[in-house]
Amino acid sequence: MFGSYKKKIEAYCEAAGIEVPIGFERHSAGRYAAIDLDSNPPKLVATTWSSVQDAVHYMANLAGGRRTRMLDFLKRRELTFNGKDNLVPGKLF
């Protein structure tokens, strides 16, 4: 299951011109992945998450005010942080 997320995330990033950091290869991939849009080119955050609570924690505490796009690779949806404690489903990708 985790291997399939890794392949899906890498394929998506390659097609969209998103840089994949070296550290991404070192860990299993979860269904939630963040893209740092303030990097040039946009860059995948090396850590992914299996639970929505962990993804919310990243957005609330660790994204550091950077423009960040959160993606759910199970449902193939973009997620928007509501600024508090939830990720709101958005458009399909």
PDB file of N, CA and C in Angstrom:
ATOM      1  N   MET A   1       0.818  -1.189   0.000  1.00  0.00           N
ATOM      2  CA  MET A   1       0.000   0.000   0.000  1.00  0.00           C
ATOM      3  C   MET A   1       0.863   1.254   0.000  1.00  0.00           C
ATOM      4  N   PHE A   2       1.854   1.325   0.916  1.00  0.00           N
ATOM      5  CA  PHE A   2       2.698   2.516   0.963  1.00  0.00           C
ATOM      6  C   PHE A   2       3.511   2.666  -0.320  1.00  0.00           C
ATOM      7  N   GLY A   3       3.967   1.553  -0.895  1.00  0.00           N
ATOM      8  CA  GLY A   3       4.725   1.613  -2.134  1.00  0.00           C
ATOM      9  C   GLY A   3       3.921   2.227  -3.261  1.00  0.00           C
ATOM     10  N   SER A   4       2.627   1.936  -3.278  1.00  0.00           N
ATOM     11  CA  SER A   4       1.794   2.495  -4.341  1.00  0.00           C
ATOM     12  C   SER A   4       1.653   4.009  -4.193  1.00  0.00           C
ATOM     13  N   TYR A   5       1.603   4.523  -2.972  1.00  0.00           N
ATOM     14  CA  TYR A   5       1.553   5.976  -2.791  1.00  0.00           C
ATOM     15  C   TYR A   5       2.843   6.615  -3.271  1.00  0.00           C
ATOM     16  N   LYS A   6       3.961   6.005  -2.973  1.00  0.00           N
ATOM     17  CA  LYS A   6       5.248   6.560  -3.387  1.00  0.00           C
ATOM     18  C   LYS A   6       5.290   6.705  -4.912  1.00  0.00           C
ATOM     19  N   LYS A   7       4.889   5.669  -5.612  1.00  0.00           N
ATOM     20  CA  LYS A   7       4.900   5.705  -7.082  1.00  0.00           C
ATOM     21  C   LYS A   7       3.918   6.741  -7.621  1.00  0.00           C
ATOM     22  N   LYS A   8       2.737   6.821  -7.019  1.00  0.00           N
ATOM     23  CA  LYS A   8       1.738   7.805  -7.459  1.00  0.00           C
ATOM     24  C   LYS A   8       2.238   9.232  -7.232  1.00  0.00           C
ATOM     25  N   ILE A   9       2.831   9.466  -6.074  1.00  0.00           N
ATOM     26  CA  ILE A   9       3.334  10.805  -5.747  1.00  0.00           C
ATOM     27  C   ILE A   9       4.470  11.185  -6.692  1.00  0.00           C
ATOM     28  N   GLU A  10       5.404  10.266  -6.915  1.00  0.00           N
ATOM     29  CA  GLU A  10       6.528  10.549  -7.818  1.00  0.00           C
ATOM     30  C   GLU A  10       6.039  10.815  -9.240  1.00  0.00           C
ATOM     31  N   ALA A  11       5.079  10.029  -9.718  1.00  0.00           N
ATOM     32  CA  ALA A  11       4.546  10.228 -11.072  1.00  0.00           C
ATOM     33  C   ALA A  11       3.847  11.578 -11.186  1.00  0.00           C
ATOM     34  N   TYR A  12       3.072  11.940 -10.176  1.00  0.00           N
ATOM     35  CA  TYR A  12       2.387  13.223 -10.177  1.00  0.00           C
ATOM     36  C   TYR A  12       3.404  14.363 -10.216  1.00  0.00           C
ATOM     37  N   CYS A  13       4.406  14.282  -9.362  1.00  0.00           N
ATOM     38  CA  CYS A  13       5.421  15.339  -9.296  1.00  0.00           C
ATOM     39  C   CYS A  13       6.180  15.472 -10.616  1.00  0.00           C
ATOM     40  N   GLU A  14       6.539  14.359 -11.203  1.00  0.00           N
ATOM     41  CA  GLU A  14       7.255  14.406 -12.484  1.00  0.00           C
ATOM     42  C   GLU A  14       6.408  15.076 -13.556  1.00  0.00           C
ATOM     43  N   ALA A  15       5.133  14.722 -13.624  1.00  0.00           N
ATOM     44  CA  ALA A  15       4.244  15.293 -14.635  1.00  0.00           C
ATOM     45  C   ALA A  15       3.983  16.780 -14.403  1.00  0.00           C
ATOM     46  N   ALA A  16       3.993  17.215 -13.133  1.00  0.00           N
ATOM     47  CA  ALA A  16       3.671  18.601 -12.804  1.00  0.00           C
ATOM     48  C   ALA A  16       4.902  19.492 -12.635  1.00  0.00           C
ATOM     49  N   GLY A  17       6.106  18.939 -12.828  1.00  0.00           N
ATOM     50  CA  GLY A  17       7.316  19.744 -12.691  1.00  0.00           C
ATOM     51  C   GLY A  17       7.646  20.089 -11.247  1.00  0.00           C
ATOM     52  N   ILE A  18       7.268  19.212 -10.328  1.00  0.00           N
ATOM     53  CA  ILE A  18       7.523  19.415  -8.902  1.00  0.00           C
ATOM     54  C   ILE A  18       8.775  18.637  -8.521  1.00  0.00           C
ATOM     55  N   GLU A  19       9.694  19.305  -7.853  1.00  0.00           N
ATOM     56  CA  GLU A  19      10.944  18.675  -7.435  1.00  0.00           C
ATOM     57  C   GLU A  19      10.685  17.700  -6.285  1.00  0.00           C
ATOM     58  N   VAL A  20      11.271  16.516  -6.379  1.00  0.00           N
ATOM     59  CA  VAL A  20      11.169  15.509  -5.325  1.00  0.00           C
ATOM     60  C   VAL A  20      12.497  15.493  -4.569  1.00  0.00           C
ATOM     61  N   PRO A  21      12.487  15.772  -3.272  1.00  0.00           N
ATOM     62  CA  PRO A  21      13.741  15.815  -2.520  1.00  0.00           C
ATOM     63  C   PRO A  21      14.332  14.419  -2.336  1.00  0.00           C
ATOM     64  N   ILE A  22      15.635  14.367  -2.152  1.00  0.00           N
ATOM     65  CA  ILE A  22      16.324  13.095  -1.960  1.00  0.00           C
ATOM     66  C   ILE A  22      15.755  12.350  -0.755  1.00  0.00           C
ATOM     67  N   GLY A  23      15.413  13.043   0.296  1.00  0.00           N
ATOM     68  CA  GLY A  23      14.902  12.428   1.511  1.00  0.00           C
ATOM     69  C   GLY A  23      13.603  11.666   1.325  1.00  0.00           C
ATOM     70  N   PHE A  24      12.876  11.945   0.257  1.00  0.00           N
ATOM     71  CA  PHE A  24      11.613  11.253   0.007  1.00  0.00           C
ATOM     72  C   PHE A  24      11.822   9.755  -0.166  1.00  0.00           C
ATOM     73  N   GLU A  25      12.952   9.371  -0.721  1.00  0.00           N
ATOM     74  CA  GLU A  25      13.248   7.952  -0.971  1.00  0.00           C
ATOM     75  C   GLU A  25      13.518   7.166   0.308  1.00  0.00           C
ATOM     76  N   ARG A  26      13.807   7.844   1.386  1.00  0.00           N
ATOM     77  CA  ARG A  26      14.232   7.179   2.620  1.00  0.00           C
ATOM     78  C   ARG A  26      13.095   6.655   3.478  1.00  0.00           C
ATOM     79  N   HIS A  27      11.871   7.066   3.203  1.00  0.00           N
ATOM     80  CA  HIS A  27      10.749   6.728   4.068  1.00  0.00           C
ATOM     81  C   HIS A  27       9.592   6.159   3.267  1.00  0.00           C
ATOM     82  N   SER A  28       8.722   5.427   3.945  1.00  0.00           N
ATOM     83  CA  SER A  28       7.475   4.993   3.328  1.00  0.00           C
ATOM     84  C   SER A  28       6.609   6.217   3.086  1.00  0.00           C
ATOM     85  N   ALA A  29       5.781   6.162   2.064  1.00  0.00           N
ATOM     86  CA  ALA A  29       4.921   7.292   1.738  1.00  0.00           C
ATOM     87  C   ALA A  29       3.499   7.041   2.221  1.00  0.00           C
ATOM     88  N   GLY A  30       2.900   8.068   2.829  1.00  0.00           N
ATOM     89  CA  GLY A  30       1.500   8.027   3.226  1.00  0.00           C
ATOM     90  C   GLY A  30       0.639   8.688   2.172  1.00  0.00           C
ATOM     91  N   ARG A  31      -0.647   8.678   2.400  1.00  0.00           N
ATOM     92  CA  ARG A  31      -1.587   9.184   1.398  1.00  0.00           C
ATOM     93  C   ARG A  31      -1.611  10.701   1.279  1.00  0.00           C
ATOM     94  N   TYR A  32      -1.203  11.432   2.316  1.00  0.00           N
ATOM     95  CA  TYR A  32      -1.218  12.891   2.305  1.00  0.00           C
ATOM     96  C   TYR A  32       0.184  13.429   2.017  1.00  0.00           C
ATOM     97  N   ALA A  33       0.282  14.282   1.009  1.00  0.00           N
ATOM     98  CA  ALA A  33       1.567  14.865   0.634  1.00  0.00           C
ATOM     99  C   ALA A  33       1.407  16.374   0.486  1.00  0.00           C
ATOM    100  N   ALA A  34       2.448  17.096   0.874  1.00  0.00           N
ATOM    101  CA  ALA A  34       2.427  18.557   0.799  1.00  0.00           C
ATOM    102  C   ALA A  34       3.438  19.031  -0.254  1.00  0.00           C
ATOM    103  N   ILE A  35       3.049  20.056  -0.970  1.00  0.00           N
ATOM    104  CA  ILE A  35       3.906  20.691  -1.969  1.00  0.00           C
ATOM    105  C   ILE A  35       4.187  22.108  -1.488  1.00  0.00           C
ATOM    106  N   ASP A  36       5.462  22.460  -1.381  1.00  0.00           N
ATOM    107  CA  ASP A  36       5.879  23.812  -1.002  1.00  0.00           C
ATOM    108  C   ASP A  36       5.852  24.665  -2.259  1.00  0.00           C
ATOM    109  N   LEU A  37       4.855  25.517  -2.367  1.00  0.00           N
ATOM    110  CA  LEU A  37       4.679  26.344  -3.558  1.00  0.00           C
ATOM    111  C   LEU A  37       5.595  27.567  -3.575  1.00  0.00           C
ATOM    112  N   ASP A  38       6.211  27.886  -2.443  1.00  0.00           N
ATOM    113  CA  ASP A  38       7.120  29.026  -2.381  1.00  0.00           C
ATOM    114  C   ASP A  38       8.521  28.675  -2.882  1.00  0.00           C
ATOM    115  N   SER A  39       8.810  27.394  -3.057  1.00  0.00           N
ATOM    116  CA  SER A  39      10.090  26.977  -3.647  1.00  0.00           C
ATOM    117  C   SER A  39      10.032  27.180  -5.151  1.00  0.00           C
ATOM    118  N   ASN A  40      11.188  27.358  -5.753  1.00  0.00           N
ATOM    119  CA  ASN A  40      11.241  27.517  -7.199  1.00  0.00           C
ATOM    120  C   ASN A  40      12.247  26.522  -7.774  1.00  0.00           C
ATOM    121  N   PRO A  41      11.812  25.446  -8.408  1.00  0.00           N
ATOM    122  CA  PRO A  41      10.427  25.078  -8.687  1.00  0.00           C
ATOM    123  C   PRO A  41       9.732  24.584  -7.427  1.00  0.00           C
ATOM    124  N   PRO A  42       8.390  24.442  -7.481  1.00  0.00           N
ATOM    125  CA  PRO A  42       7.682  23.881  -6.330  1.00  0.00           C
ATOM    126  C   PRO A  42       8.323  22.559  -5.914  1.00  0.00           C
ATOM    127  N   LYS A  43       8.311  22.289  -4.609  1.00  0.00           N
ATOM    128  CA  LYS A  43       9.033  21.125  -4.095  1.00  0.00           C
ATOM    129  C   LYS A  43       8.147  20.302  -3.170  1.00  0.00           C
ATOM    130  N   LEU A  44       8.204  19.002  -3.349  1.00  0.00           N
ATOM    131  CA  LEU A  44       7.507  18.080  -2.465  1.00  0.00           C
ATOM    132  C   LEU A  44       8.160  18.124  -1.094  1.00  0.00           C
ATOM    133  N   VAL A  45       7.353  18.155  -0.043  1.00  0.00           N
ATOM    134  CA  VAL A  45       7.872  18.039   1.313  1.00  0.00           C
ATOM    135  C   VAL A  45       8.249  16.575   1.506  1.00  0.00           C
ATOM    136  N   ALA A  46       9.450  16.300   2.006  1.00  0.00           N
ATOM    137  CA  ALA A  46       9.978  14.938   2.065  1.00  0.00           C
ATOM    138  C   ALA A  46       9.132  14.001   2.915  1.00  0.00           C
ATOM    139  N   THR A  47       8.456  14.524   3.915  1.00  0.00           N
ATOM    140  CA  THR A  47       7.611  13.705   4.775  1.00  0.00           C
ATOM    141  C   THR A  47       6.192  13.688   4.227  1.00  0.00           C
ATOM    142  N   THR A  48       5.564  12.510   4.256  1.00  0.00           N
ATOM    143  CA  THR A  48       4.146  12.383   3.935  1.00  0.00           C
ATOM    144  C   THR A  48       3.454  11.832   5.179  1.00  0.00           C
ATOM    145  N   TRP A  49       2.135  11.824   5.161  1.00  0.00           N
ATOM    146  CA  TRP A  49       1.386  11.435   6.353  1.00  0.00           C
ATOM    147  C   TRP A  49       0.303  10.435   6.004  1.00  0.00           C
ATOM    148  N   SER A  50       0.055   9.510   6.938  1.00  0.00           N
ATOM    149  CA  SER A  50      -0.989   8.513   6.762  1.00  0.00           C
ATOM    150  C   SER A  50      -2.299   8.943   7.409  1.00  0.00           C
ATOM    151  N   SER A  51      -2.228   9.865   8.368  1.00  0.00           N
ATOM    152  CA  SER A  51      -3.452  10.314   9.034  1.00  0.00           C
ATOM    153  C   SER A  51      -3.696  11.793   8.761  1.00  0.00           C
ATOM    154  N   VAL A  52      -4.965  12.136   8.685  1.00  0.00           N
ATOM    155  CA  VAL A  52      -5.328  13.525   8.442  1.00  0.00           C
ATOM    156  C   VAL A  52      -4.890  14.408   9.612  1.00  0.00           C
ATOM    157  N   GLN A  53      -4.894  13.863  10.829  1.00  0.00           N
ATOM    158  CA  GLN A  53      -4.475  14.646  11.992  1.00  0.00           C
ATOM    159  C   GLN A  53      -3.008  15.063  11.872  1.00  0.00           C
ATOM    160  N   ASP A  54      -2.156  14.172  11.375  1.00  0.00           N
ATOM    161  CA  ASP A  54      -0.745  14.513  11.197  1.00  0.00           C
ATOM    162  C   ASP A  54      -0.563  15.557  10.101  1.00  0.00           C
ATOM    163  N   ALA A  55      -1.350  15.446   9.033  1.00  0.00           N
ATOM    164  CA  ALA A  55      -1.278  16.431   7.948  1.00  0.00           C
ATOM    165  C   ALA A  55      -1.745  17.800   8.441  1.00  0.00           C
ATOM    166  N   VAL A  56      -2.797  17.827   9.246  1.00  0.00           N
ATOM    167  CA  VAL A  56      -3.291  19.075   9.826  1.00  0.00           C
ATOM    168  C   VAL A  56      -2.223  19.674  10.744  1.00  0.00           C
ATOM    169  N   HIS A  57      -1.590  18.844  11.549  1.00  0.00           N
ATOM    170  CA  HIS A  57      -0.529  19.328  12.452  1.00  0.00           C
ATOM    171  C   HIS A  57       0.587  19.988  11.648  1.00  0.00           C
ATOM    172  N   TYR A  58       0.976  19.386  10.531  1.00  0.00           N
ATOM    173  CA  TYR A  58       2.006  19.985   9.688  1.00  0.00           C
ATOM    174  C   TYR A  58       1.554  21.365   9.206  1.00  0.00           C
ATOM    175  N   MET A  59       0.338  21.439   8.678  1.00  0.00           N
ATOM    176  CA  MET A  59      -0.145  22.702   8.135  1.00  0.00           C
ATOM    177  C   MET A  59      -0.261  23.766   9.230  1.00  0.00           C
ATOM    178  N   ALA A  60      -0.689  23.368  10.415  1.00  0.00           N
ATOM    179  CA  ALA A  60      -0.909  24.327  11.505  1.00  0.00           C
ATOM    180  C   ALA A  60       0.384  24.776  12.163  1.00  0.00           C
ATOM    181  N   ASN A  61       1.379  23.883  12.240  1.00  0.00           N
ATOM    182  CA  ASN A  61       2.549  24.174  13.061  1.00  0.00           C
ATOM    183  C   ASN A  61       3.886  24.194  12.340  1.00  0.00           C
ATOM    184  N   LEU A  62       3.999  23.497  11.233  1.00  0.00           N
ATOM    185  CA  LEU A  62       5.315  23.331  10.631  1.00  0.00           C
ATOM    186  C   LEU A  62       5.466  23.937   9.244  1.00  0.00           C
ATOM    187  N   ALA A  63       4.395  24.285   8.594  1.00  0.00           N
ATOM    188  CA  ALA A  63       4.481  24.847   7.245  1.00  0.00           C
ATOM    189  C   ALA A  63       5.094  26.247   7.272  1.00  0.00           C
ATOM    190  N   GLY A  64       5.147  26.862   8.416  1.00  0.00           N
ATOM    191  CA  GLY A  64       5.854  28.128   8.590  1.00  0.00           C
ATOM    192  C   GLY A  64       5.352  29.273   7.745  1.00  0.00           C
ATOM    193  N   GLY A  65       4.057  29.343   7.490  1.00  0.00           N
ATOM    194  CA  GLY A  65       3.500  30.442   6.718  1.00  0.00           C
ATOM    195  C   GLY A  65       3.789  30.365   5.228  1.00  0.00           C
ATOM    196  N   ARG A  66       4.384  29.268   4.782  1.00  0.00           N
ATOM    197  CA  ARG A  66       4.679  29.119   3.359  1.00  0.00           C
ATOM    198  C   ARG A  66       3.417  28.682   2.625  1.00  0.00           C
ATOM    199  N   ARG A  67       3.299  29.094   1.365  1.00  0.00           N
ATOM    200  CA  ARG A  67       2.176  28.621   0.553  1.00  0.00           C
ATOM    201  C   ARG A  67       2.381  27.123   0.323  1.00  0.00           C
ATOM    202  N   THR A  68       1.425  26.340   0.759  1.00  0.00           N
ATOM    203  CA  THR A  68       1.550  24.893   0.721  1.00  0.00           C
ATOM    204  C   THR A  68       0.281  24.290   0.157  1.00  0.00           C
ATOM    205  N   ARG A  69       0.450  23.332  -0.727  1.00  0.00           N
ATOM    206  CA  ARG A  69      -0.674  22.606  -1.307  1.00  0.00           C
ATOM    207  C   ARG A  69      -0.669  21.200  -0.723  1.00  0.00           C
ATOM    208  N   MET A  70      -1.766  20.793  -0.090  1.00  0.00           N
ATOM    209  CA  MET A  70      -1.884  19.455   0.486  1.00  0.00           C
ATOM    210  C   MET A  70      -2.715  18.597  -0.458  1.00  0.00           C
ATOM    211  N   LEU A  71      -2.225  17.407  -0.736  1.00  0.00           N
ATOM    212  CA  LEU A  71      -2.908  16.490  -1.652  1.00  0.00           C
ATOM    213  C   LEU A  71      -3.197  15.164  -0.968  1.00  0.00           C
ATOM    214  N   ASP A  72      -4.370  14.621  -1.231  1.00  0.00           N
ATOM    215  CA  ASP A  72      -4.771  13.305  -0.738  1.00  0.00           C
ATOM    216  C   ASP A  72      -4.665  12.340  -1.922  1.00  0.00           C
ATOM    217  N   PHE A  73      -3.682  11.458  -1.879  1.00  0.00           N
ATOM    218  CA  PHE A  73      -3.445  10.558  -3.004  1.00  0.00           C
ATOM    219  C   PHE A  73      -4.335   9.320  -2.980  1.00  0.00           C
ATOM    220  N   LEU A  74      -5.140   9.135  -1.946  1.00  0.00           N
ATOM    221  CA  LEU A  74      -6.121   8.056  -1.963  1.00  0.00           C
ATOM    222  C   LEU A  74      -7.368   8.504  -2.721  1.00  0.00           C
ATOM    223  N   LYS A  75      -7.876   9.669  -2.374  1.00  0.00           N
ATOM    224  CA  LYS A  75      -9.087  10.196  -3.009  1.00  0.00           C
ATOM    225  C   LYS A  75      -8.799  11.103  -4.192  1.00  0.00           C
ATOM    226  N   ARG A  76      -7.499  11.376  -4.435  1.00  0.00           N
ATOM    227  CA  ARG A  76      -7.070  12.231  -5.542  1.00  0.00           C
ATOM    228  C   ARG A  76      -7.732  13.605  -5.472  1.00  0.00           C
ATOM    229  N   ARG A  77      -7.691  14.190  -4.265  1.00  0.00           N
ATOM    230  CA  ARG A  77      -8.270  15.515  -4.030  1.00  0.00           C
ATOM    231  C   ARG A  77      -7.252  16.451  -3.413  1.00  0.00           C
ATOM    232  N   GLU A  78      -7.354  17.707  -3.813  1.00  0.00           N
ATOM    233  CA  GLU A  78      -6.586  18.757  -3.146  1.00  0.00           C
ATOM    234  C   GLU A  78      -7.323  19.094  -1.851  1.00  0.00           C
ATOM    235  N   LEU A  79      -6.576  19.375  -0.805  1.00  0.00           N
ATOM    236  CA  LEU A  79      -7.160  19.706   0.490  1.00  0.00           C
ATOM    237  C   LEU A  79      -6.715  21.102   0.903  1.00  0.00           C
ATOM    238  N   THR A  80      -7.616  21.851   1.487  1.00  0.00           N
ATOM    239  CA  THR A  80      -7.324  23.205   1.935  1.00  0.00           C
ATOM    240  C   THR A  80      -7.416  23.248   3.454  1.00  0.00           C
ATOM    241  N   PHE A  81      -6.383  23.780   4.086  1.00  0.00           N
ATOM    242  CA  PHE A  81      -6.372  23.929   5.542  1.00  0.00           C
ATOM    243  C   PHE A  81      -7.317  25.065   5.922  1.00  0.00           C
ATOM    244  N   ASN A  82      -8.226  24.806   6.866  1.00  0.00           N
ATOM    245  CA  ASN A  82      -9.204  25.824   7.259  1.00  0.00           C
ATOM    246  C   ASN A  82      -8.652  26.830   8.265  1.00  0.00           C
ATOM    247  N   GLY A  83      -7.354  26.715   8.592  1.00  0.00           N
ATOM    248  CA  GLY A  83      -6.731  27.653   9.516  1.00  0.00           C
ATOM    249  C   GLY A  83      -6.874  27.275  10.976  1.00  0.00           C
ATOM    250  N   LYS A  84      -7.577  26.187  11.233  1.00  0.00           N
ATOM    251  CA  LYS A  84      -7.805  25.783  12.617  1.00  0.00           C
ATOM    252  C   LYS A  84      -7.417  24.332  12.841  1.00  0.00           C
ATOM    253  N   ASP A  85      -8.310  23.419  12.463  1.00  0.00           N
ATOM    254  CA  ASP A  85      -8.100  22.019  12.818  1.00  0.00           C
ATOM    255  C   ASP A  85      -8.626  21.028  11.792  1.00  0.00           C
ATOM    256  N   ASN A  86      -8.749  21.458  10.545  1.00  0.00           N
ATOM    257  CA  ASN A  86      -9.354  20.575   9.554  1.00  0.00           C
ATOM    258  C   ASN A  86      -8.808  20.859   8.154  1.00  0.00           C
ATOM    259  N   LEU A  87      -8.854  19.827   7.319  1.00  0.00           N
ATOM    260  CA  LEU A  87      -8.553  19.964   5.905  1.00  0.00           C
ATOM    261  C   LEU A  87      -9.855  19.785   5.141  1.00  0.00           C
ATOM    262  N   VAL A  88     -10.181  20.754   4.307  1.00  0.00           N
ATOM    263  CA  VAL A  88     -11.433  20.756   3.569  1.00  0.00           C
ATOM    264  C   VAL A  88     -11.177  20.218   2.166  1.00  0.00           C
ATOM    265  N   PRO A  89     -11.957  19.201   1.734  1.00  0.00           N
ATOM    266  CA  PRO A  89     -11.766  18.642   0.392  1.00  0.00           C
ATOM    267  C   PRO A  89     -12.030  19.694  -0.685  1.00  0.00           C
ATOM    268  N   GLY A  90     -11.178  19.665  -1.698  1.00  0.00           N
ATOM    269  CA  GLY A  90     -11.312  20.596  -2.821  1.00  0.00           C
ATOM    270  C   GLY A  90     -11.425  19.838  -4.124  1.00  0.00           C
ATOM    271  N   LYS A  91     -10.844  20.414  -5.155  1.00  0.00           N
ATOM    272  CA  LYS A  91     -10.981  19.842  -6.487  1.00  0.00           C
ATOM    273  C   LYS A  91     -10.151  18.560  -6.643  1.00  0.00           C
ATOM    274  N   LEU A  92     -10.591  17.757  -7.597  1.00  0.00           N
ATOM    275  CA  LEU A  92      -9.866  16.545  -7.943  1.00  0.00           C
ATOM    276  C   LEU A  92      -8.608  16.906  -8.709  1.00  0.00           C
ATOM    277  N   PHE A  93      -7.613  16.042  -8.622  1.00  0.00           N
ATOM    278  CA  PHE A  93      -6.408  16.239  -9.422  1.00  0.00           C
ATOM    279  C   PHE A  93      -6.057  14.952 -10.129  1.00  0.00           C
TER     280      PHE A  93
END
